[in-house]
C-alpha cells in the first residue's frame, strides 16, 4: 500500500450557505490523499499502473465548478467521484477549506476533512 497526495490545490468557486456567497465567489483549497497499492507502478515505472495525478486534479476541478451550500457536501462529492472513477483506490481523505469565511471576524480559513474507505 501507499499514498498519493495532491496538496494545496486552489480554486475560485461559488459555494456557500448564503446566496450572496454563491454570487460573489471565494477562494477554496483542497488537499486530497489517496490510499492505493503502488507496488506495480514502483516496479514497472508505468503511469497505467497507478493513479494519474492529472485525472485526480480534473475530478476535483469538476466538482469545484458545481455550486454547493456546505463544505461537507462538496467533500462528499469529491470522495464519491474518486471512488467511482478509480476502482483500485482503497481509501480517500479530502480536506476542503474556504479562505476568509464570512464569520464577522478574522478567520483565515474554515476546513472540513472527510475520509472514506472502500467497502468490500
N, C-alpha and C. Protein backbone atom coordinates (compact mmCIF):
# COMPACT_ATOMS: atom_id res chain seq x y z
N UNK A 1 0.84 -1.20 0.00
CA UNK A 1 0.00 0.00 0.00
C UNK A 1 0.88 1.24 0.00
N UNK A 2 0.30 2.32 -0.46
CA UNK A 2 0.98 3.60 -0.46
C UNK A 2 -0.03 4.72 -0.51
N UNK A 3 0.47 5.93 -0.55
CA UNK A 3 -0.42 7.09 -0.58
C UNK A 3 0.04 8.07 -1.65
N UNK A 4 -0.92 8.59 -2.38
CA UNK A 4 -0.70 9.67 -3.33
C UNK A 4 -1.43 10.88 -2.77
N UNK A 5 -0.77 12.03 -2.78
CA UNK A 5 -1.38 13.25 -2.25
C UNK A 5 -1.28 14.38 -3.26
N UNK A 6 -2.35 15.12 -3.39
CA UNK A 6 -2.35 16.40 -4.10
C UNK A 6 -2.70 17.44 -3.04
N UNK A 7 -1.72 18.23 -2.64
CA UNK A 7 -1.92 19.19 -1.56
C UNK A 7 -1.84 20.61 -2.08
N UNK A 8 -2.65 21.46 -1.50
CA UNK A 8 -2.58 22.88 -1.82
C UNK A 8 -3.26 23.26 -3.13
N UNK A 9 -4.18 22.44 -3.61
CA UNK A 9 -4.93 22.85 -4.81
C UNK A 9 -5.80 24.05 -4.43
N UNK A 10 -5.85 25.05 -5.28
CA UNK A 10 -6.66 26.23 -5.02
C UNK A 10 -7.59 26.52 -6.19
N UNK A 11 -8.79 26.93 -5.85
CA UNK A 11 -9.82 27.21 -6.85
C UNK A 11 -10.61 28.44 -6.42
N UNK A 12 -11.07 29.20 -7.39
CA UNK A 12 -12.06 30.24 -7.13
C UNK A 12 -13.39 29.64 -7.54
N UNK A 13 -14.34 29.60 -6.61
CA UNK A 13 -15.60 28.92 -6.88
C UNK A 13 -16.75 29.64 -6.17
N UNK A 14 -17.96 29.17 -6.42
CA UNK A 14 -19.17 29.84 -5.96
C UNK A 14 -19.97 28.94 -5.04
N UNK A 15 -19.37 28.58 -3.90
CA UNK A 15 -20.03 27.78 -2.88
C UNK A 15 -20.39 28.67 -1.71
N UNK A 16 -21.32 28.22 -0.89
CA UNK A 16 -21.63 28.94 0.33
C UNK A 16 -23.08 28.77 0.73
N UNK A 17 -23.31 28.86 2.00
CA UNK A 17 -24.66 28.73 2.54
C UNK A 17 -25.54 29.90 2.12
N UNK A 18 -24.97 31.09 2.11
CA UNK A 18 -25.74 32.28 1.78
C UNK A 18 -25.73 32.53 0.27
N UNK A 19 -26.87 32.98 -0.23
CA UNK A 19 -26.98 33.26 -1.67
C UNK A 19 -25.89 34.22 -2.14
N UNK A 20 -25.58 35.22 -1.33
CA UNK A 20 -24.56 36.21 -1.69
C UNK A 20 -23.21 35.53 -1.95
N UNK A 21 -22.87 34.52 -1.14
CA UNK A 21 -21.60 33.79 -1.32
C UNK A 21 -21.56 33.10 -2.68
N UNK A 22 -22.70 32.59 -3.09
CA UNK A 22 -22.75 31.89 -4.37
C UNK A 22 -22.72 32.86 -5.55
N UNK A 23 -22.97 34.13 -5.29
CA UNK A 23 -22.91 35.13 -6.35
C UNK A 23 -21.51 35.72 -6.50
N UNK A 24 -20.87 36.04 -5.37
CA UNK A 24 -19.58 36.73 -5.44
C UNK A 24 -18.39 35.77 -5.49
N UNK A 25 -18.56 34.55 -4.99
CA UNK A 25 -17.49 33.56 -5.03
C UNK A 25 -16.43 33.79 -3.96
N UNK A 26 -15.51 32.83 -3.88
CA UNK A 26 -14.45 32.87 -2.88
C UNK A 26 -13.35 31.91 -3.31
N UNK A 27 -12.24 32.00 -2.61
CA UNK A 27 -11.12 31.08 -2.85
C UNK A 27 -11.24 29.88 -1.92
N UNK A 28 -10.98 28.70 -2.48
CA UNK A 28 -11.06 27.44 -1.75
C UNK A 28 -9.79 26.64 -1.93
N UNK A 29 -9.49 25.84 -0.94
CA UNK A 29 -8.34 24.95 -1.02
C UNK A 29 -8.76 23.51 -0.82
N UNK A 30 -8.08 22.62 -1.52
CA UNK A 30 -8.35 21.18 -1.41
C UNK A 30 -7.03 20.44 -1.21
N UNK A 31 -7.03 19.54 -0.25
CA UNK A 31 -5.95 18.58 -0.06
C UNK A 31 -6.57 17.20 -0.21
N UNK A 32 -5.97 16.39 -1.06
CA UNK A 32 -6.52 15.07 -1.38
C UNK A 32 -5.47 14.00 -1.15
N UNK A 33 -5.85 12.95 -0.43
CA UNK A 33 -4.96 11.84 -0.12
C UNK A 33 -5.62 10.54 -0.55
N UNK A 34 -4.92 9.77 -1.36
CA UNK A 34 -5.44 8.53 -1.94
C UNK A 34 -4.60 7.36 -1.42
N UNK A 35 -5.25 6.35 -0.85
CA UNK A 35 -4.57 5.13 -0.44
C UNK A 35 -4.78 4.07 -1.51
N UNK A 36 -3.68 3.56 -2.04
CA UNK A 36 -3.77 2.56 -3.09
C UNK A 36 -2.49 1.73 -3.11
N UNK A 37 -2.50 0.66 -3.86
CA UNK A 37 -1.32 -0.19 -4.00
C UNK A 37 -0.40 0.43 -5.04
N UNK A 38 0.80 0.78 -4.63
CA UNK A 38 1.75 1.43 -5.53
C UNK A 38 2.87 0.49 -5.96
N UNK A 39 2.77 -0.78 -5.60
CA UNK A 39 3.84 -1.73 -5.90
C UNK A 39 4.06 -1.89 -7.41
N UNK A 40 2.99 -2.10 -8.17
CA UNK A 40 3.13 -2.33 -9.61
C UNK A 40 3.78 -1.13 -10.30
N UNK A 41 3.34 0.08 -9.96
CA UNK A 41 3.92 1.28 -10.56
C UNK A 41 5.37 1.45 -10.14
N UNK A 42 5.66 1.08 -8.91
CA UNK A 42 7.02 1.20 -8.41
C UNK A 42 8.00 0.30 -9.12
N UNK A 43 7.53 -0.88 -9.55
CA UNK A 43 8.42 -1.81 -10.25
C UNK A 43 8.42 -1.59 -11.76
N UNK A 44 7.27 -1.17 -12.32
CA UNK A 44 7.18 -1.06 -13.78
C UNK A 44 7.55 0.32 -14.32
N UNK A 45 7.39 1.37 -13.50
CA UNK A 45 7.62 2.75 -13.92
C UNK A 45 6.64 3.16 -15.03
N UNK A 46 5.42 2.60 -14.98
CA UNK A 46 4.39 2.87 -15.98
C UNK A 46 3.21 3.61 -15.36
N UNK A 47 2.79 4.71 -15.98
CA UNK A 47 1.67 5.50 -15.49
C UNK A 47 0.39 4.69 -15.42
N UNK A 48 0.21 3.76 -16.33
CA UNK A 48 -1.00 2.94 -16.36
C UNK A 48 -1.16 2.08 -15.10
N UNK A 49 -0.11 1.94 -14.32
CA UNK A 49 -0.14 1.11 -13.12
C UNK A 49 -0.46 1.89 -11.85
N UNK A 50 -0.80 3.17 -11.99
CA UNK A 50 -1.04 4.00 -10.81
C UNK A 50 -2.19 4.97 -11.08
N UNK A 51 -2.45 5.84 -10.13
CA UNK A 51 -3.48 6.86 -10.27
C UNK A 51 -2.83 8.08 -10.93
N UNK A 52 -3.40 8.52 -12.02
CA UNK A 52 -2.89 9.65 -12.78
C UNK A 52 -3.24 10.95 -12.04
N UNK A 53 -2.24 11.72 -11.66
CA UNK A 53 -2.45 12.96 -10.91
C UNK A 53 -3.31 13.96 -11.68
N UNK A 54 -3.11 14.01 -12.99
CA UNK A 54 -3.90 14.94 -13.82
C UNK A 54 -5.38 14.59 -13.78
N UNK A 55 -5.69 13.31 -13.79
CA UNK A 55 -7.09 12.88 -13.74
C UNK A 55 -7.68 13.20 -12.37
N UNK A 56 -6.91 12.97 -11.31
CA UNK A 56 -7.37 13.34 -9.96
C UNK A 56 -7.68 14.82 -9.88
N UNK A 57 -6.78 15.64 -10.40
CA UNK A 57 -6.98 17.08 -10.37
C UNK A 57 -8.24 17.46 -11.16
N UNK A 58 -8.43 16.85 -12.31
CA UNK A 58 -9.63 17.14 -13.13
C UNK A 58 -10.90 16.80 -12.37
N UNK A 59 -10.92 15.67 -11.68
CA UNK A 59 -12.10 15.27 -10.89
C UNK A 59 -12.41 16.33 -9.84
N UNK A 60 -11.40 16.77 -9.11
CA UNK A 60 -11.61 17.80 -8.08
C UNK A 60 -12.07 19.10 -8.73
N UNK A 61 -11.44 19.49 -9.81
CA UNK A 61 -11.80 20.73 -10.50
C UNK A 61 -13.25 20.71 -10.97
N UNK A 62 -13.69 19.60 -11.51
CA UNK A 62 -15.08 19.49 -11.96
C UNK A 62 -16.06 19.62 -10.80
N UNK A 63 -15.74 19.01 -9.67
CA UNK A 63 -16.62 19.12 -8.50
C UNK A 63 -16.63 20.54 -7.95
N UNK A 64 -15.50 21.24 -8.05
CA UNK A 64 -15.44 22.61 -7.57
C UNK A 64 -16.28 23.56 -8.42
N UNK A 65 -16.54 23.19 -9.65
CA UNK A 65 -17.33 24.05 -10.54
C UNK A 65 -18.83 23.99 -10.26
N UNK A 66 -19.29 22.92 -9.61
CA UNK A 66 -20.72 22.76 -9.31
C UNK A 66 -20.99 23.34 -7.91
N UNK A 67 -21.80 24.39 -7.81
CA UNK A 67 -22.01 25.04 -6.51
C UNK A 67 -22.57 24.09 -5.45
N UNK A 68 -22.16 24.34 -4.22
CA UNK A 68 -22.65 23.60 -3.05
C UNK A 68 -22.86 24.59 -1.92
N UNK A 69 -23.80 24.32 -1.06
CA UNK A 69 -24.04 25.18 0.10
C UNK A 69 -23.00 24.91 1.20
N UNK A 70 -22.66 23.63 1.40
CA UNK A 70 -21.81 23.25 2.52
C UNK A 70 -20.50 22.62 2.06
N UNK A 71 -19.43 22.89 2.79
CA UNK A 71 -18.15 22.24 2.52
C UNK A 71 -18.26 20.74 2.69
N UNK A 72 -19.08 20.31 3.64
CA UNK A 72 -19.27 18.88 3.86
C UNK A 72 -19.83 18.19 2.62
N UNK A 73 -20.79 18.84 1.99
CA UNK A 73 -21.40 18.28 0.77
C UNK A 73 -20.37 18.20 -0.36
N UNK A 74 -19.61 19.25 -0.51
CA UNK A 74 -18.58 19.30 -1.53
C UNK A 74 -17.54 18.19 -1.31
N UNK A 75 -17.12 18.01 -0.07
CA UNK A 75 -16.17 16.95 0.26
C UNK A 75 -16.71 15.57 -0.05
N UNK A 76 -17.97 15.33 0.27
CA UNK A 76 -18.58 14.03 -0.04
C UNK A 76 -18.66 13.78 -1.54
N UNK A 77 -18.91 14.82 -2.30
CA UNK A 77 -18.94 14.66 -3.75
C UNK A 77 -17.56 14.26 -4.28
N UNK A 78 -16.51 14.86 -3.75
CA UNK A 78 -15.16 14.50 -4.18
C UNK A 78 -14.87 13.04 -3.82
N UNK A 79 -15.19 12.64 -2.60
CA UNK A 79 -14.99 11.23 -2.20
C UNK A 79 -15.73 10.29 -3.14
N UNK A 80 -16.98 10.58 -3.42
CA UNK A 80 -17.79 9.73 -4.30
C UNK A 80 -17.16 9.60 -5.68
N UNK A 81 -16.74 10.73 -6.25
CA UNK A 81 -16.16 10.71 -7.60
C UNK A 81 -14.86 9.92 -7.66
N UNK A 82 -13.98 10.13 -6.69
CA UNK A 82 -12.70 9.42 -6.69
C UNK A 82 -12.92 7.92 -6.58
N UNK A 83 -13.78 7.49 -5.68
CA UNK A 83 -14.02 6.06 -5.53
C UNK A 83 -14.73 5.47 -6.75
N UNK A 84 -15.58 6.26 -7.41
CA UNK A 84 -16.27 5.78 -8.60
C UNK A 84 -15.33 5.66 -9.80
N UNK A 85 -14.42 6.62 -9.96
CA UNK A 85 -13.56 6.64 -11.15
C UNK A 85 -12.29 5.82 -11.02
N UNK A 86 -11.93 5.47 -9.79
CA UNK A 86 -10.71 4.70 -9.56
C UNK A 86 -11.04 3.48 -8.70
N UNK A 87 -11.49 2.40 -9.31
CA UNK A 87 -11.94 1.23 -8.55
C UNK A 87 -10.83 0.55 -7.74
N UNK A 88 -9.59 0.82 -8.06
CA UNK A 88 -8.47 0.20 -7.35
C UNK A 88 -7.98 1.05 -6.19
N UNK A 89 -8.61 2.20 -5.93
CA UNK A 89 -8.28 3.04 -4.77
C UNK A 89 -8.99 2.46 -3.56
N UNK A 90 -8.24 2.27 -2.48
CA UNK A 90 -8.80 1.66 -1.26
C UNK A 90 -9.39 2.67 -0.29
N UNK A 91 -8.88 3.88 -0.30
CA UNK A 91 -9.37 4.89 0.62
C UNK A 91 -9.05 6.28 0.13
N UNK A 92 -9.85 7.24 0.58
CA UNK A 92 -9.67 8.64 0.18
C UNK A 92 -9.90 9.53 1.40
N UNK A 93 -9.06 10.54 1.53
CA UNK A 93 -9.27 11.59 2.53
C UNK A 93 -9.18 12.92 1.81
N UNK A 94 -10.15 13.79 2.10
CA UNK A 94 -10.15 15.11 1.47
C UNK A 94 -10.38 16.17 2.54
N UNK A 95 -9.62 17.26 2.43
CA UNK A 95 -9.85 18.45 3.25
C UNK A 95 -10.27 19.56 2.31
N UNK A 96 -11.39 20.20 2.65
CA UNK A 96 -11.91 21.30 1.86
C UNK A 96 -11.86 22.55 2.73
N UNK A 97 -11.20 23.59 2.25
CA UNK A 97 -11.05 24.83 3.01
C UNK A 97 -11.68 25.99 2.25
N UNK A 98 -12.33 26.86 3.00
CA UNK A 98 -12.83 28.13 2.46
C UNK A 98 -11.99 29.23 3.10
N UNK A 99 -11.34 30.04 2.26
CA UNK A 99 -10.49 31.11 2.76
C UNK A 99 -11.34 32.32 3.14
N UNK A 100 -10.98 32.94 4.24
CA UNK A 100 -11.66 34.14 4.73
C UNK A 100 -13.19 33.98 4.76
N UNK A 101 -13.70 32.99 5.49
CA UNK A 101 -15.15 32.79 5.52
C UNK A 101 -15.85 33.97 6.19
N UNK A 102 -17.08 34.27 5.77
CA UNK A 102 -17.80 35.44 6.31
C UNK A 102 -18.38 35.14 7.69
N UNK A 103 -17.54 35.26 8.71
CA UNK A 103 -17.95 34.94 10.07
C UNK A 103 -18.13 36.17 10.95
N UNK A 104 -17.88 37.35 10.41
CA UNK A 104 -17.99 38.56 11.20
C UNK A 104 -16.73 38.89 11.98
N UNK A 105 -15.65 38.19 11.69
CA UNK A 105 -14.38 38.44 12.35
C UNK A 105 -13.26 37.82 11.54
N UNK A 106 -12.07 37.84 12.11
CA UNK A 106 -10.90 37.30 11.40
C UNK A 106 -10.86 35.78 11.54
N UNK A 107 -10.82 35.13 10.40
CA UNK A 107 -10.65 33.67 10.33
C UNK A 107 -10.02 33.40 8.98
N UNK A 108 -8.82 32.87 8.98
CA UNK A 108 -8.10 32.65 7.73
C UNK A 108 -8.77 31.60 6.85
N UNK A 109 -9.29 30.55 7.46
CA UNK A 109 -9.97 29.54 6.68
C UNK A 109 -10.86 28.68 7.57
N UNK A 110 -11.92 28.18 6.98
CA UNK A 110 -12.75 27.15 7.60
C UNK A 110 -12.47 25.87 6.83
N UNK A 111 -12.36 24.75 7.53
CA UNK A 111 -11.98 23.50 6.87
C UNK A 111 -12.79 22.33 7.40
N UNK A 112 -13.16 21.45 6.49
CA UNK A 112 -13.71 20.15 6.87
C UNK A 112 -12.82 19.08 6.26
N UNK A 113 -12.67 17.98 6.98
CA UNK A 113 -11.90 16.84 6.49
C UNK A 113 -12.77 15.61 6.58
N UNK A 114 -12.85 14.91 5.47
CA UNK A 114 -13.68 13.70 5.38
C UNK A 114 -12.83 12.55 4.88
N UNK A 115 -13.17 11.36 5.30
CA UNK A 115 -12.42 10.18 4.89
C UNK A 115 -13.38 9.03 4.64
N UNK A 116 -13.05 8.25 3.63
CA UNK A 116 -13.88 7.08 3.34
C UNK A 116 -12.98 5.95 2.87
N UNK A 117 -13.28 4.76 3.36
CA UNK A 117 -12.61 3.53 2.90
C UNK A 117 -13.57 2.79 1.99
N UNK A 118 -13.03 2.12 1.02
CA UNK A 118 -13.87 1.31 0.13
C UNK A 118 -14.39 0.11 0.92
N UNK A 119 -15.69 -0.14 0.81
CA UNK A 119 -16.26 -1.31 1.47
C UNK A 119 -16.11 -2.51 0.55
N UNK A 120 -15.84 -3.63 1.15
CA UNK A 120 -15.60 -4.86 0.36
C UNK A 120 -16.90 -5.50 -0.06
